[in-house]
Amino acid sequence: MLSSSERMPAFAGPQDRDARRADAWLRTILPCLAVGMVACLLYGISIQTRPAHLDEFYHLLAGRSWQLHRDFALLDGQYVRAPLFTMIVGWTFDLVGRADLLVARLPSVLFSAISVAILFQWPRQSAGPWAGLSAAALLGLAGYTFDIAHFARFYALHTLLILTAAWTLYLATRTNRRLQPLWAGLAAMALILAYQLQPVTIIALAGLGGWLLIDQRALLLQTLKRHPRSALILSACVVIAVILGFEPLAAMVGRFAHAERWATAAQNDRLYYVREFWVQMPLFSLLTPVALLLAIRSHARLGLLCASMIIICLTLHSFAGMKAWRYCYYVLPFFCMAYGLAIASLLPATGPDKRRATLQTGIGAIVLLTLLASSPVYREGARLTLAGLKALATGPVALAAPVPDGDWSRAEGPFRAIAARQGMLVTGDDLRTIAHLGDYQVFISSSRLGELPPFTDFTPDYRTGRPIIEAVSAMNAVIDCNRSGAVIVSDRQWRNPIAVTPAVADLIERRLTPVRSVPGFHVFTWQAAKAARPCPYPQHGSRRAS
């Protein structure tokens, strides 16, 4: 016979509820932390597999200035683009106690790992563990993500902010009214910060706006039916805004279609991104329409969000003048999430049947592995991981070695000796010269001059304060107005139409003395009794060593 206490139902007291709440929180957060830590480890051990990229030096040099002086100085100029990311790099230098390119990449490693963790949790919360695991694996193991994580530039942070904005906006449209202002405010803040990093955030906003119109269409129609005058007033405001903003809008469209000299080859290539993803992810690209349909069928709201971001954003990027895969990298998480939802929809429901659970695991693993193995971009991710593991096997100290910078790392010693003897330095690579030698006086670059109105020789670059030239007459003037000097140009920039043009290269070879002892570079010097004429540009040393 049961005692009265055994017959009574269990009563859940406050402590029990708190324990269950804590247990549920741990079941949510611990897998996310595990996924993020694994991603961070993968990107961390392979951080040196990518040689230094030119654009990384902007944040490296300006980050050093922020660390030391709390400004963004490069010689006598300022690099003011994406100041938030530059400040983060400078703070990282302070935290680690070291200010080189390897440390400058650490924020990108962290931001990429957090993005992978979010892409694990978001679909997992909506569609189950297989959706989260598949989406996180497809994003985290892609060679694109390794490149972004190993790039001391703002793309990893930009992607994280766009992903955060999309997630919080999604939550704002499905949670109770009490939490809606919080999630909507977080989404707005993330988009504002993202725009400060990259103007293409407007394209991401168009993708989110397209989804919001579809997702909230019933509410919008209901509101317009209840308040027909509001619809008329809104339409009139739109018409007035278009009329008043025609000139600014035309200027914005002009900037949207513009391409710098180095990017003109792809300016009008509307299929640029189709080819990019087809070459790097052929099966992935081919099955994307199927994945989107399955995602929408199984989880309509989230699937439509992925479809809106993919279709609207890639279409607009295809008509933009400037094109590169990293400009639209923030769209890749939505591809991966659509595939995560699609894979989860193909699996049978989990139940107590162990055979069914085994079948589920097998199907999911086969689909996921097929996608990974069939794409060059995932094979590249595997190659980088193996290279990182090999470096780790040689000892942890190897992982802390400086990031290689190709021929510049090998030539730094001879270049310092040449610069010390000659005094005046003309370069074909401004940022690397600052990073390795500390200073220069004149920069030869047809491409860079094309970015700076009035596009005439000796226009100072606002980033460094140093004059830029591209014409033969300008190079002649530089040689004539200095008693001695040196020219250092890498093979990549020599006789390059957007760098040191063939005409300028011919002049340098004709008038100056070659230095043959530095492989990978064209190095020349000159020496005269006196300067033949005054210099057409101000001569000064750097305001501050960077």
Protein backbone atom coordinates (compact mmCIF):
# COMPACT_ATOMS: atom_id res chain seq x y z
CA MET A 1 0.00 0.00 0.00
CA LEU A 2 1.35 3.42 -0.99
CA SER A 3 1.95 6.06 1.60
CA SER A 4 0.24 9.40 1.29
CA SER A 5 3.50 11.02 0.25
CA GLU A 6 3.96 8.48 -2.55
CA ARG A 7 0.41 9.06 -3.83
CA MET A 8 0.80 12.85 -3.90
CA PRO A 9 2.03 14.45 -7.15
CA ALA A 10 5.47 15.98 -7.07
CA PHE A 11 5.43 19.71 -6.42
CA ALA A 12 7.89 21.81 -8.38
CA GLY A 13 9.14 24.49 -6.05
CA PRO A 14 11.09 27.62 -6.98
CA GLN A 15 14.39 25.79 -6.60
CA ASP A 16 13.26 23.04 -8.98
CA ARG A 17 12.12 25.57 -11.56
CA ASP A 18 15.40 27.46 -11.27
CA ALA A 19 17.33 24.21 -11.67
CA ARG A 20 15.35 23.25 -14.78
CA ARG A 21 15.81 26.73 -16.20
CA ALA A 22 19.55 26.59 -15.58
CA ASP A 23 19.71 23.12 -17.12
CA ALA A 24 17.86 24.30 -20.24
CA TRP A 25 20.17 27.30 -20.50
CA LEU A 26 23.23 25.08 -20.28
CA ARG A 27 21.85 22.72 -22.94
CA THR A 28 21.48 25.75 -25.19
CA ILE A 29 24.70 27.61 -24.50
CA LEU A 30 27.24 24.80 -24.09
CA PRO A 31 26.86 23.38 -27.64
CA CYS A 32 27.16 26.94 -29.03
CA LEU A 33 30.32 27.53 -27.04
CA ALA A 34 31.73 24.21 -28.20
CA VAL A 35 31.06 25.00 -31.87
CA GLY A 36 32.52 28.50 -31.51
CA MET A 37 35.63 27.20 -29.75
CA VAL A 38 36.23 24.52 -32.40
CA ALA A 39 35.90 27.15 -35.15
CA CYS A 40 38.23 29.50 -33.27
CA LEU A 41 40.77 26.69 -32.89
CA LEU A 42 40.62 25.80 -36.62
CA TYR A 43 41.16 29.40 -37.70
CA GLY A 44 43.77 30.02 -35.01
CA ILE A 45 46.07 27.13 -35.85
CA SER A 46 45.93 27.98 -39.57
CA ILE A 47 46.28 31.76 -39.17
CA GLN A 48 49.70 31.87 -40.86
CA THR A 49 48.68 29.89 -43.94
CA ARG A 50 47.58 33.06 -45.70
CA PRO A 51 50.45 35.41 -46.66
CA ALA A 52 50.04 39.10 -45.89
CA HIS A 53 47.48 40.92 -48.04
CA LEU A 54 48.04 44.55 -49.01
CA ASP A 55 44.77 45.82 -47.50
CA GLU A 56 45.64 44.37 -44.10
CA PHE A 57 48.38 46.96 -43.66
CA TYR A 58 45.82 49.77 -43.42
CA HIS A 59 44.49 48.45 -40.13
CA LEU A 60 47.88 47.19 -38.97
CA LEU A 61 49.51 50.62 -39.33
CA ALA A 62 46.52 52.70 -38.23
CA GLY A 63 45.95 50.24 -35.37
CA ARG A 64 49.49 50.86 -34.12
CA SER A 65 48.80 54.58 -34.22
CA TRP A 66 45.57 54.06 -32.26
CA GLN A 67 47.44 51.95 -29.71
CA LEU A 68 50.11 54.60 -29.17
CA HIS A 69 48.40 57.93 -29.85
CA ARG A 70 44.64 57.26 -30.10
CA ASP A 71 44.42 58.44 -33.70
CA PHE A 72 44.57 56.81 -37.14
CA ALA A 73 47.77 58.35 -38.52
CA LEU A 74 49.72 56.88 -41.43
CA LEU A 75 52.79 59.10 -41.86
CA ASP A 76 51.27 62.56 -42.49
CA GLY A 77 47.80 61.28 -43.37
CA GLN A 78 44.90 59.51 -41.69
CA TYR A 79 43.21 56.20 -42.50
CA VAL A 80 39.66 56.87 -41.34
CA ARG A 81 37.74 54.05 -43.02
CA ALA A 82 36.08 51.57 -40.61
CA PRO A 83 37.47 53.27 -37.48
CA LEU A 84 35.65 50.82 -35.21
CA PHE A 85 37.63 47.89 -36.59
CA THR A 86 40.91 49.84 -36.44
CA MET A 87 40.23 50.63 -32.78
CA ILE A 88 39.54 46.95 -32.08
CA VAL A 89 42.88 46.07 -33.70
CA GLY A 90 44.65 48.69 -31.57
CA TRP A 91 42.99 47.41 -28.40
CA THR A 92 44.06 43.88 -29.34
CA PHE A 93 47.66 45.09 -29.63
CA ASP A 94 47.32 46.51 -26.11
CA LEU A 95 45.81 43.28 -24.79
CA VAL A 96 48.37 40.93 -26.33
CA GLY A 97 51.39 43.21 -25.92
CA ARG A 98 52.45 42.74 -29.52
CA ALA A 99 51.62 44.82 -32.62
CA ASP A 100 52.12 42.76 -35.76
CA LEU A 101 49.96 41.25 -38.49
CA LEU A 102 49.35 37.97 -36.67
CA VAL A 103 47.81 39.81 -33.71
CA ALA A 104 45.89 42.12 -36.06
CA ARG A 105 44.16 39.02 -37.47
CA LEU A 106 42.94 37.77 -34.09
CA PRO A 107 39.74 39.88 -34.07
CA SER A 108 38.74 38.40 -37.44
CA VAL A 109 39.37 34.90 -36.07
CA LEU A 110 37.08 35.62 -33.12
CA PHE A 111 34.33 37.31 -35.15
CA SER A 112 34.29 34.46 -37.69
CA ALA A 113 34.02 31.87 -34.92
CA ILE A 114 31.10 33.76 -33.33
CA SER A 115 29.32 33.86 -36.70
CA VAL A 116 29.67 30.08 -36.99
CA ALA A 117 28.28 29.67 -33.46
CA ILE A 118 25.27 31.87 -34.30
CA LEU A 119 24.65 29.92 -37.48
CA PHE A 120 24.66 26.76 -35.38
CA GLN A 121 22.19 28.04 -32.78
CA TRP A 122 19.70 29.92 -34.96
CA PRO A 123 18.57 27.07 -37.28
CA ARG A 124 19.05 24.56 -34.46
CA GLN A 125 16.54 26.50 -32.40
CA SER A 126 14.06 26.58 -35.28
CA ALA A 127 14.55 23.25 -37.05
CA GLY A 128 16.56 20.94 -34.82
CA PRO A 129 20.18 19.85 -34.34
CA TRP A 130 20.81 18.65 -37.89
CA ALA A 131 19.83 22.06 -39.30
CA GLY A 132 22.25 23.83 -36.96
CA LEU A 133 25.09 21.36 -37.39
CA SER A 134 24.82 21.36 -41.20
CA ALA A 135 24.63 25.16 -41.47
CA ALA A 136 27.58 25.67 -39.11
CA ALA A 137 29.71 23.07 -40.89
CA LEU A 138 28.98 24.52 -44.34
CA LEU A 139 29.95 28.01 -43.20
CA GLY A 140 32.78 27.15 -40.81
CA LEU A 141 34.65 24.74 -43.10
CA ALA A 142 34.44 26.87 -46.26
CA GLY A 143 37.71 28.18 -47.64
CA TYR A 144 35.98 31.57 -47.94
CA THR A 145 35.54 31.66 -44.16
CA PHE A 146 39.16 30.68 -43.53
CA ASP A 147 40.25 33.55 -45.80
CA ILE A 148 38.01 36.05 -44.00
CA ALA A 149 39.16 34.79 -40.58
CA HIS A 150 42.79 35.20 -41.69
CA PHE A 151 42.23 38.72 -43.04
CA ALA A 152 42.94 41.73 -40.80
CA ARG A 153 40.09 43.63 -42.39
CA PHE A 154 36.52 44.42 -41.38
CA TYR A 155 34.71 41.71 -43.38
CA ALA A 156 34.40 39.21 -40.52
CA LEU A 157 32.93 41.85 -38.20
CA HIS A 158 30.63 43.11 -40.97
CA THR A 159 29.29 39.60 -41.57
CA LEU A 160 28.75 39.07 -37.84
CA LEU A 161 26.81 42.34 -37.59
CA ILE A 162 24.60 41.53 -40.61
CA LEU A 163 23.92 38.05 -39.22
CA THR A 164 23.11 39.54 -35.80
CA ALA A 165 20.79 42.12 -37.38
CA ALA A 166 18.94 39.42 -39.32
CA TRP A 167 18.60 37.16 -36.26
CA THR A 168 17.37 39.90 -33.94
CA LEU A 169 14.96 41.21 -36.59
CA TYR A 170 13.63 37.67 -37.00
CA LEU A 171 13.16 37.43 -33.22
CA ALA A 172 11.48 40.85 -33.13
CA THR A 173 8.77 39.60 -35.49
CA ARG A 174 7.98 36.40 -33.62
CA THR A 175 8.33 37.08 -29.88
CA ASN A 176 5.84 38.71 -27.52
CA ARG A 177 5.29 42.45 -27.70
CA ARG A 178 7.25 43.08 -24.52
CA LEU A 179 10.54 41.97 -26.14
CA GLN A 180 9.96 43.37 -29.63
CA PRO A 181 11.51 46.83 -28.94
CA LEU A 182 14.63 45.18 -27.51
CA TRP A 183 15.23 42.92 -30.53
CA ALA A 184 14.33 45.67 -33.02
CA GLY A 185 16.72 48.06 -31.27
CA LEU A 186 19.54 45.52 -31.39
CA ALA A 187 18.89 44.94 -35.11
CA ALA A 188 19.02 48.69 -35.81
CA MET A 189 22.23 49.08 -33.81
CA ALA A 190 23.89 46.19 -35.65
CA LEU A 191 22.94 47.67 -39.03
CA ILE A 192 24.25 51.12 -38.07
CA LEU A 193 27.59 49.65 -37.00
CA ALA A 194 27.71 47.50 -40.15
CA TYR A 195 27.12 50.55 -42.35
CA GLN A 196 29.99 52.32 -40.62
CA LEU A 197 32.20 49.44 -41.77
CA GLN A 198 30.81 48.91 -45.28
CA PRO A 199 28.39 50.99 -47.40
CA VAL A 200 27.17 47.74 -49.02
CA THR A 201 25.16 47.32 -45.82
CA ILE A 202 22.46 49.18 -47.77
CA ILE A 203 22.22 46.12 -50.03
CA ALA A 204 21.88 43.86 -46.99
CA LEU A 205 19.18 46.22 -45.69
CA ALA A 206 17.33 45.81 -49.00
CA GLY A 207 17.43 42.03 -48.55
CA LEU A 208 16.10 42.28 -44.99
CA GLY A 209 13.49 44.82 -46.08
CA GLY A 210 12.28 42.54 -48.86
CA TRP A 211 11.82 39.69 -46.39
CA LEU A 212 10.06 41.96 -43.89
CA LEU A 213 7.53 43.07 -46.52
CA ILE A 214 6.74 39.44 -47.34
CA ASP A 215 6.72 38.24 -43.74
CA GLN A 216 4.58 41.08 -42.39
CA ARG A 217 2.34 41.50 -45.44
CA ALA A 218 -0.83 40.55 -43.56
CA LEU A 219 -0.17 43.13 -40.85
CA LEU A 220 0.68 45.80 -43.42
CA LEU A 221 -2.46 45.15 -45.47
CA GLN A 222 -4.57 45.11 -42.34
CA THR A 223 -3.10 48.43 -41.21
CA LEU A 224 -3.68 50.03 -44.63
CA LYS A 225 -7.30 48.82 -44.67
CA ARG A 226 -7.93 50.28 -41.25
CA HIS A 227 -6.21 53.57 -42.08
CA PRO A 228 -6.64 54.28 -45.84
CA ARG A 229 -5.57 57.90 -45.39
CA SER A 230 -2.25 56.72 -44.03
CA ALA A 231 -1.65 54.83 -47.28
CA LEU A 232 -2.30 57.97 -49.32
CA ILE A 233 -0.07 60.08 -47.08
CA LEU A 234 2.68 57.47 -47.24
CA SER A 235 2.47 57.31 -51.05
CA ALA A 236 2.62 61.10 -51.29
CA CYS A 237 5.67 61.19 -49.00
CA VAL A 238 7.43 58.60 -51.17
CA VAL A 239 6.74 60.61 -54.35
CA ILE A 240 7.95 63.85 -52.72
CA ALA A 241 11.07 62.12 -51.38
CA VAL A 242 11.91 60.76 -54.84
CA ILE A 243 11.46 64.22 -56.42
CA LEU A 244 13.49 66.04 -53.78
CA GLY A 245 16.13 63.37 -53.62
CA PHE A 246 16.57 62.84 -57.36
CA GLU A 247 20.02 64.42 -57.57
CA PRO A 248 21.42 62.70 -54.45
CA LEU A 249 19.87 59.46 -55.66
CA ALA A 250 21.49 59.86 -59.09
CA ALA A 251 24.84 60.51 -57.40
CA MET A 252 24.38 57.41 -55.25
CA VAL A 253 23.59 55.31 -58.33
CA GLY A 254 26.73 56.70 -59.98
CA ARG A 255 28.85 55.66 -56.99
CA PHE A 256 27.13 52.28 -56.98
CA ALA A 257 28.10 51.64 -60.62
CA HIS A 258 31.61 53.12 -60.30
CA ALA A 259 34.71 50.92 -60.30
CA GLU A 260 38.28 51.89 -59.49
CA ARG A 261 40.90 51.41 -62.20
CA TRP A 262 42.09 48.11 -60.77
CA ALA A 263 38.52 46.72 -60.77
CA THR A 264 37.23 47.82 -64.18
CA ALA A 265 37.62 44.35 -65.75
CA ALA A 266 34.59 43.05 -63.81
CA GLN A 267 32.63 46.31 -63.69
CA ASN A 268 29.93 45.27 -66.19
CA ASP A 269 30.15 41.52 -65.63
CA ARG A 270 26.63 40.69 -64.42
CA LEU A 271 27.45 36.98 -64.06
CA TYR A 272 30.57 37.53 -61.93
CA TYR A 273 29.13 35.96 -58.77
CA VAL A 274 27.37 33.18 -60.65
CA ARG A 275 30.73 32.11 -62.10
CA GLU A 276 32.54 32.59 -58.80
CA PHE A 277 30.24 30.28 -56.87
CA TRP A 278 29.88 27.84 -59.76
CA VAL A 279 33.65 27.34 -59.93
CA GLN A 280 34.18 27.15 -56.17
CA MET A 281 30.95 25.37 -55.13
CA PRO A 282 29.45 23.66 -58.21
CA LEU A 283 27.07 21.16 -56.60
CA PHE A 284 26.23 23.65 -53.86
CA SER A 285 25.30 26.27 -56.49
CA LEU A 286 23.36 23.82 -58.67
CA LEU A 287 21.16 22.62 -55.80
CA THR A 288 20.57 26.03 -54.20
CA PRO A 289 17.06 26.46 -55.75
CA VAL A 290 16.10 23.01 -54.44
CA ALA A 291 17.53 23.82 -51.01
CA LEU A 292 15.57 27.07 -50.88
CA LEU A 293 12.31 25.35 -51.84
CA LEU A 294 12.81 22.66 -49.18
CA ALA A 295 13.73 25.30 -46.60
CA ILE A 296 10.63 27.38 -47.37
CA ARG A 297 8.42 24.30 -47.37
CA SER A 298 9.65 23.11 -43.97
CA HIS A 299 10.22 26.48 -42.23
CA ALA A 300 8.56 29.17 -44.30
CA ARG A 301 9.63 32.30 -42.42
CA LEU A 302 13.28 31.36 -42.05
CA GLY A 303 13.46 29.89 -45.56
CA LEU A 304 12.00 33.08 -47.04
CA LEU A 305 14.56 35.15 -45.12
CA CYS A 306 17.37 33.09 -46.66
CA ALA A 307 15.82 33.38 -50.13
CA SER A 308 15.40 37.15 -49.82
CA MET A 309 18.98 37.71 -48.68
CA ILE A 310 20.42 35.46 -51.39
CA ILE A 311 18.32 36.65 -54.34
CA ILE A 312 18.07 40.38 -53.61
CA CYS A 313 21.62 40.89 -52.32
CA LEU A 314 23.41 38.89 -55.03
CA THR A 315 21.32 40.54 -57.75
CA LEU A 316 22.20 44.02 -56.53
CA HIS A 317 25.87 43.12 -56.07
CA SER A 318 25.92 41.80 -59.65
CA PHE A 319 24.96 45.28 -60.92
CA ALA A 320 27.46 47.09 -58.70
CA GLY A 321 30.66 48.37 -60.26
CA MET A 322 33.04 46.97 -57.63
CA LYS A 323 33.02 43.18 -57.46
CA ALA A 324 34.87 40.64 -55.32
CA TRP A 325 33.59 37.59 -53.45
CA ARG A 326 34.48 39.12 -50.10
CA TYR A 327 32.15 42.08 -50.73
CA CYS A 328 29.15 39.73 -50.52
CA TYR A 329 30.61 37.18 -48.10
CA TYR A 330 27.89 38.19 -45.63
CA VAL A 331 25.38 36.38 -47.91
CA LEU A 332 27.13 33.00 -47.50
CA PRO A 333 25.64 32.30 -44.02
CA PHE A 334 22.15 32.47 -45.55
CA PHE A 335 23.13 29.96 -48.24
CA CYS A 336 24.40 27.66 -45.50
CA MET A 337 21.31 28.14 -43.34
CA ALA A 338 19.03 27.30 -46.27
CA TYR A 339 20.97 24.08 -46.78
CA GLY A 340 20.79 23.32 -43.06
CA LEU A 341 16.99 23.65 -43.13
CA ALA A 342 16.80 21.58 -46.32
CA ILE A 343 18.95 18.76 -44.92
CA ALA A 344 16.90 18.70 -41.71
CA SER A 345 13.67 18.48 -43.73
CA LEU A 346 14.92 15.36 -45.55
CA LEU A 347 15.53 13.44 -42.34
CA PRO A 348 12.87 11.29 -40.65
CA ALA A 349 11.54 12.50 -37.33
CA THR A 350 13.58 11.41 -34.33
CA GLY A 351 11.93 8.80 -32.15
CA PRO A 352 12.76 5.98 -29.75
CA ASP A 353 13.56 3.66 -32.65
CA LYS A 354 17.37 3.31 -32.73
CA ARG A 355 17.34 2.06 -36.30
CA ARG A 356 15.50 5.19 -37.39
CA ALA A 357 17.95 7.39 -35.49
CA THR A 358 20.87 5.59 -37.17
CA LEU A 359 19.22 6.08 -40.56
CA GLN A 360 18.74 9.76 -39.80
CA THR A 361 22.39 10.19 -38.88
CA GLY A 362 23.54 8.32 -41.98
CA ILE A 363 21.39 10.34 -44.38
CA GLY A 364 22.45 13.64 -42.85
CA ALA A 365 26.12 12.69 -42.88
CA ILE A 366 26.03 11.51 -46.51
CA VAL A 367 24.31 14.68 -47.76
CA LEU A 368 26.64 16.94 -45.81
CA LEU A 369 29.82 15.10 -46.79
CA THR A 370 28.77 15.10 -50.45
CA LEU A 371 28.36 18.87 -50.40
CA LEU A 372 31.72 19.31 -48.68
CA ALA A 373 33.70 16.89 -50.83
CA SER A 374 32.32 18.14 -54.16
CA SER A 375 33.41 21.77 -53.72
CA PRO A 376 36.93 23.15 -54.22
CA VAL A 377 36.25 25.79 -51.57
CA TYR A 378 35.76 23.07 -48.92
CA ARG A 379 38.79 21.14 -50.08
CA GLU A 380 40.74 24.38 -49.62
CA GLY A 381 39.39 24.62 -46.09
CA ALA A 382 40.56 21.06 -45.41
CA ARG A 383 44.00 21.85 -46.85
CA LEU A 384 44.38 24.88 -44.59
CA THR A 385 43.26 22.86 -41.57
CA LEU A 386 45.84 20.15 -42.28
CA ALA A 387 48.54 22.79 -42.76
CA GLY A 388 47.61 24.29 -39.40
CA LEU A 389 47.69 20.90 -37.68
CA LYS A 390 51.09 20.23 -39.22
CA ALA A 391 52.38 23.55 -37.87
CA LEU A 392 50.90 22.76 -34.46
CA ALA A 393 52.69 19.41 -34.44
CA THR A 394 56.04 21.18 -34.74
CA GLY A 395 55.32 23.05 -31.51
CA PRO A 396 53.09 25.86 -30.24
CA VAL A 397 55.92 28.37 -30.76
CA ALA A 398 55.57 27.96 -34.53
CA LEU A 399 52.01 29.33 -34.35
CA ALA A 400 53.29 32.60 -32.89
CA ALA A 401 55.76 33.29 -35.71
CA PRO A 402 55.19 36.46 -37.78
CA VAL A 403 52.86 36.23 -40.78
CA PRO A 404 54.98 35.83 -43.93
CA ASP A 405 55.01 38.72 -46.41
CA GLY A 406 56.66 37.02 -49.36
CA ASP A 407 59.58 38.77 -51.00
CA TRP A 408 59.23 41.80 -48.74
CA SER A 409 60.09 39.77 -45.63
CA ARG A 410 63.26 38.49 -47.30
CA ALA A 411 64.28 41.86 -48.74
CA GLU A 412 63.69 44.08 -45.70
CA GLY A 413 67.37 44.07 -44.62
CA PRO A 414 68.85 45.06 -48.02
CA PHE A 415 66.10 47.67 -48.51
CA ARG A 416 66.87 49.31 -45.17
CA ALA A 417 70.52 49.61 -46.16
CA ILE A 418 69.63 51.12 -49.56
CA ALA A 419 67.16 53.59 -48.02
CA ALA A 420 69.73 54.67 -45.42
CA ARG A 421 72.34 55.38 -48.13
CA GLN A 422 70.09 57.12 -50.62
CA GLY A 423 67.79 59.05 -48.30
CA MET A 424 64.99 59.72 -50.80
CA LEU A 425 62.74 56.74 -51.56
CA VAL A 426 60.27 56.22 -54.43
CA THR A 427 58.11 53.12 -54.08
CA GLY A 428 55.58 51.09 -56.00
CA ASP A 429 54.00 49.77 -52.76
CA ASP A 430 53.22 52.44 -50.18
CA LEU A 431 51.83 50.35 -47.32
CA ARG A 432 54.47 47.63 -47.38
CA THR A 433 57.19 50.25 -47.55
CA ILE A 434 55.80 51.91 -44.40
CA ALA A 435 55.45 48.55 -42.65
CA HIS A 436 58.95 47.30 -43.48
CA LEU A 437 60.99 50.50 -43.89
CA GLY A 438 59.05 53.14 -41.98
CA ASP A 439 58.77 55.91 -44.60
CA TYR A 440 58.92 56.92 -48.27
CA GLN A 441 58.62 60.17 -50.22
CA VAL A 442 56.82 59.42 -53.53
CA PHE A 443 54.41 56.64 -54.56
CA ILE A 444 54.10 55.50 -58.20
CA SER A 445 50.59 54.14 -58.84
CA SER A 446 48.25 54.80 -61.74
CA SER A 447 45.45 52.98 -59.93
CA ARG A 448 45.73 54.93 -56.68
CA LEU A 449 45.97 58.26 -58.49
CA GLY A 450 42.69 57.39 -60.20
CA GLU A 451 40.99 57.37 -56.79
CA LEU A 452 42.05 60.91 -55.83
CA PRO A 453 40.63 64.02 -57.51
CA PRO A 454 41.86 66.03 -59.38
CA PHE A 455 43.67 62.90 -60.69
CA THR A 456 46.88 64.82 -61.49
CA ASP A 457 50.48 63.92 -60.66
CA PHE A 458 51.74 64.88 -57.20
CA THR A 459 48.24 64.80 -55.71
CA PRO A 460 48.78 63.91 -52.03
CA ASP A 461 47.14 60.72 -50.80
CA TYR A 462 44.94 61.66 -47.83
CA ARG A 463 45.80 58.30 -46.22
CA THR A 464 49.55 58.95 -46.03
CA GLY A 465 50.01 62.60 -47.00
CA ARG A 466 52.54 61.53 -49.66
CA PRO A 467 52.38 62.55 -53.36
CA ILE A 468 51.34 60.02 -56.03
CA ILE A 469 52.56 60.03 -59.63
CA GLU A 470 51.91 58.03 -62.79
CA ALA A 471 53.36 59.99 -65.74
CA VAL A 472 56.83 59.93 -67.29
CA SER A 473 57.13 63.71 -66.85
CA ALA A 474 56.42 63.38 -63.13
CA MET A 475 59.07 60.68 -62.69
CA ASN A 476 61.55 62.86 -64.56
CA ALA A 477 60.77 65.72 -62.18
CA VAL A 478 61.33 63.52 -59.12
CA ILE A 479 64.75 62.40 -60.40
CA ASP A 480 65.79 65.93 -61.40
CA CYS A 481 64.81 67.62 -58.14
CA ASN A 482 66.67 65.21 -55.82
CA ARG A 483 70.45 64.76 -55.65
CA SER A 484 70.09 61.08 -54.81
CA GLY A 485 67.41 58.50 -54.30
CA ALA A 486 66.21 54.96 -54.81
CA VAL A 487 63.27 53.33 -56.57
CA ILE A 488 61.85 50.07 -55.20
CA VAL A 489 59.13 48.28 -57.19
CA SER A 490 58.05 44.64 -56.93
CA ASP A 491 57.92 42.45 -60.03
CA ARG A 492 54.12 42.40 -59.70
CA GLN A 493 53.87 46.17 -60.10
CA TRP A 494 56.64 46.59 -62.68
CA ARG A 495 55.30 47.38 -66.17
CA ASN A 496 51.78 47.02 -64.81
CA PRO A 497 49.29 49.43 -66.49
CA ILE A 498 47.63 50.22 -63.15
CA ALA A 499 50.86 50.54 -61.16
CA VAL A 500 54.26 51.41 -62.70
CA THR A 501 53.38 51.71 -66.38
CA PRO A 502 55.69 50.45 -69.15
CA ALA A 503 56.52 54.04 -70.15
CA VAL A 504 57.64 54.95 -66.62
CA ALA A 505 59.56 51.66 -66.35
CA ASP A 506 61.41 52.49 -69.59
CA LEU A 507 62.39 55.90 -68.22
CA ILE A 508 63.66 54.43 -64.95
CA GLU A 509 65.73 51.81 -66.77
CA ARG A 510 67.18 54.47 -69.06
CA ARG A 511 68.13 57.05 -66.43
CA LEU A 512 68.90 55.11 -63.24
CA THR A 513 71.41 52.49 -62.08
CA PRO A 514 69.96 49.02 -61.40
CA VAL A 515 70.64 47.08 -58.18
CA ARG A 516 70.61 43.37 -59.04
CA SER A 517 70.95 41.84 -55.59
CA VAL A 518 67.26 41.82 -54.54
CA PRO A 519 65.22 38.99 -56.18
CA GLY A 520 61.55 39.72 -56.81
CA PHE A 521 62.07 43.47 -57.17
CA HIS A 522 63.24 46.10 -59.58
CA VAL A 523 65.56 48.36 -57.58
CA PHE A 524 67.33 51.43 -58.99
CA THR A 525 69.39 54.27 -57.52
CA TRP A 526 70.67 57.63 -58.74
CA GLN A 527 73.30 60.11 -57.58
CA ALA A 528 73.97 63.62 -58.89
CA ALA A 529 76.18 66.53 -57.88
CA LYS A 530 73.15 68.73 -57.27
CA ALA A 531 69.43 68.91 -57.96
CA ALA A 532 68.59 70.15 -61.47
CA ARG A 533 65.35 71.93 -60.47
CA PRO A 534 63.03 72.56 -57.51
CA CYS A 535 60.65 69.80 -56.55
CA PRO A 536 56.99 70.25 -57.57
CA TYR A 537 55.82 68.74 -54.29
CA PRO A 538 56.48 69.52 -50.61
CA GLN A 539 59.40 67.60 -49.14
CA HIS A 540 59.05 66.57 -45.54
CA GLY A 541 59.62 63.65 -43.24
CA SER A 542 56.82 61.81 -41.57
CA ARG A 543 54.95 63.55 -38.77
CA ARG A 544 55.22 60.36 -36.80
CA ALA A 545 56.75 56.95 -37.36
CA SER A 546 53.97 54.45 -37.94
